[in-house]
Amino acid sequence: MGTISIIGINGSPSDVSEALASRTEKQDAGHFRFIEAHVSNNWHATAELYR
């Protein structure tokens, strides 16, 4: 279905997962899979979407 990215998330890895889950729902996708995630001051993550 495509990919989504989030940037600027402060918090824990579970906060990143929650943000990706929210974006996944908005895209009418059923599941996501982390492709990459890293943190310096804030989290940046990319995920692949699936129906």
Protein backbone atom coordinates (compact mmCIF):
# COMPACT_ATOMS: atom_id res chain seq x y z
CA MET A 1 0.00 0.00 0.00
CA GLY A 2 2.89 2.36 0.57
CA THR A 3 4.91 3.82 3.40
CA ILE A 4 4.42 6.40 6.13
CA SER A 5 6.95 8.37 8.14
CA ILE A 6 6.74 10.25 11.39
CA ILE A 7 9.20 12.77 12.77
CA GLY A 8 9.52 14.81 15.91
CA ILE A 9 8.01 12.31 18.36
CA ASN A 10 9.23 12.79 21.93
CA GLY A 11 8.88 9.78 24.15
CA SER A 12 9.39 6.04 24.23
CA PRO A 13 9.35 3.45 21.46
CA SER A 14 5.74 2.64 22.39
CA ASP A 15 4.83 6.30 21.68
CA VAL A 16 6.32 5.87 18.21
CA SER A 17 4.34 2.68 17.68
CA GLU A 18 1.11 4.42 18.78
CA ALA A 19 1.75 7.32 16.38
CA LEU A 20 2.35 4.89 13.50
CA ALA A 21 -0.78 2.92 14.40
CA SER A 22 -2.83 6.12 14.32
CA ARG A 23 -1.44 7.07 10.90
CA THR A 24 -2.07 3.52 9.67
CA GLU A 25 -5.77 3.82 10.57
CA LYS A 26 -6.02 7.17 8.76
CA GLN A 27 -4.65 5.50 5.61
CA ASP A 28 -7.27 2.69 5.84
CA ALA A 29 -4.51 0.11 6.22
CA GLY A 30 -4.79 -2.88 8.51
CA HIS A 31 -1.17 -3.35 9.57
CA PHE A 32 2.23 -1.72 9.49
CA ARG A 33 5.81 -2.99 9.68
CA PHE A 34 8.70 -0.86 10.91
CA ILE A 35 11.27 -0.29 8.18
CA GLU A 36 13.53 1.97 10.21
CA ALA A 37 13.52 4.03 13.38
CA HIS A 38 16.14 6.22 15.01
CA VAL A 39 16.38 8.91 17.64
CA SER A 40 18.69 11.85 18.23
CA ASN A 41 16.60 14.45 20.07
CA ASN A 42 13.30 13.20 18.64
CA TRP A 43 12.17 9.97 17.03
CA HIS A 44 11.99 9.47 13.27
CA ALA A 45 10.39 6.27 11.97
CA THR A 46 9.21 4.81 8.67
CA ALA A 47 6.80 1.93 8.24
CA GLU A 48 5.42 -0.09 5.36
CA LEU A 49 1.60 -0.33 5.21
CA TYR A 50 -0.46 -3.46 4.54
CA ARG A 51 -4.19 -4.04 4.13
